[in-house]
Amino acid sequence: MGIEQVRRDAIEKYGPAPTTPAEALAHVLAIYADDADDREVINATSNIYGPGVRTGLTMGDLRALAKLLP
């Protein structure tokens, strides 16, 4: 499958490229719709607050934030 076919398939499945932060969030959530809520997608720190303690955002966090948007 060529890159143009991949492009067409992605646009068909996910729509046009996002142009706003809200659209970008919706796009990410659509792409990763099957991922578990505890999947970390942005890591802010690791082991700063103690061994094994990480901070950041998970898919569940992004889903919750999306629900807060109008």
Protein backbone atom coordinates (compact mmCIF):
# COMPACT_ATOMS: atom_id res chain seq x y z
CA MET A 1 0.00 0.00 0.00
CA GLY A 2 1.43 3.36 -1.02
CA ILE A 3 1.56 6.53 1.06
CA GLU A 4 -1.28 8.12 -0.93
CA GLN A 5 -3.57 5.20 -0.12
CA VAL A 6 -2.62 5.41 3.56
CA ARG A 7 -3.39 9.17 3.42
CA ARG A 8 -6.78 8.62 1.79
CA ASP A 9 -7.68 5.87 4.25
CA ALA A 10 -6.73 8.03 7.23
CA ILE A 11 -8.75 11.00 5.98
CA GLU A 12 -11.72 8.74 5.32
CA LYS A 13 -11.53 7.22 8.79
CA TYR A 14 -10.49 10.26 10.88
CA GLY A 15 -11.54 13.25 8.80
CA PRO A 16 -9.45 16.24 7.79
CA ALA A 17 -6.38 17.38 9.71
CA PRO A 18 -7.30 19.21 12.91
CA THR A 19 -6.93 22.98 12.91
CA THR A 20 -7.69 23.85 16.55
CA PRO A 21 -6.54 22.45 19.88
CA ALA A 22 -10.02 20.99 20.52
CA GLU A 23 -9.99 19.29 17.12
CA ALA A 24 -6.47 18.00 17.78
CA LEU A 25 -7.62 16.47 21.07
CA ALA A 26 -10.63 14.85 19.40
CA HIS A 27 -8.32 13.53 16.67
CA VAL A 28 -5.92 11.97 19.19
CA LEU A 29 -8.84 10.39 21.05
CA ALA A 30 -10.20 8.95 17.80
CA ILE A 31 -6.84 7.50 16.80
CA TYR A 32 -6.28 5.94 20.23
CA ALA A 33 -9.93 5.06 20.95
CA ASP A 34 -9.10 1.46 21.85
CA ASP A 35 -6.32 2.31 24.30
CA ALA A 36 -6.84 1.81 28.02
CA ASP A 37 -7.52 4.80 30.25
CA ASP A 38 -4.30 4.19 32.17
CA ARG A 39 -2.06 4.42 29.09
CA GLU A 40 0.36 7.27 29.72
CA VAL A 41 0.61 9.51 26.68
CA ILE A 42 2.57 12.44 28.10
CA ASN A 43 5.23 11.89 30.73
CA ALA A 44 6.10 14.98 32.76
CA THR A 45 8.36 13.45 35.43
CA SER A 46 9.67 10.07 36.43
CA ASN A 47 11.07 9.22 39.88
CA ILE A 48 11.17 12.89 40.97
CA TYR A 49 8.53 12.37 43.68
CA GLY A 50 9.82 8.97 44.70
CA PRO A 51 10.84 5.66 43.18
CA GLY A 52 8.42 4.62 40.46
CA VAL A 53 6.27 7.76 40.77
CA ARG A 54 5.42 9.32 37.42
CA THR A 55 3.42 12.40 36.58
CA GLY A 56 1.84 13.22 33.26
CA LEU A 57 -1.35 12.62 31.33
CA THR A 58 -3.09 9.37 30.52
CA MET A 59 -5.68 8.55 27.89
CA GLY A 60 -8.27 8.69 30.67
CA ASP A 61 -7.12 12.20 31.57
CA LEU A 62 -7.46 13.30 27.95
CA ARG A 63 -10.92 11.76 27.71
CA ALA A 64 -11.99 13.57 30.90
CA LEU A 65 -10.60 16.87 29.63
CA ALA A 66 -12.45 16.46 26.33
CA LYS A 67 -15.72 16.10 28.22
CA LEU A 68 -15.11 19.48 29.89
CA LEU A 69 -14.89 21.29 26.54
CA PRO A 70 -18.02 22.91 25.12
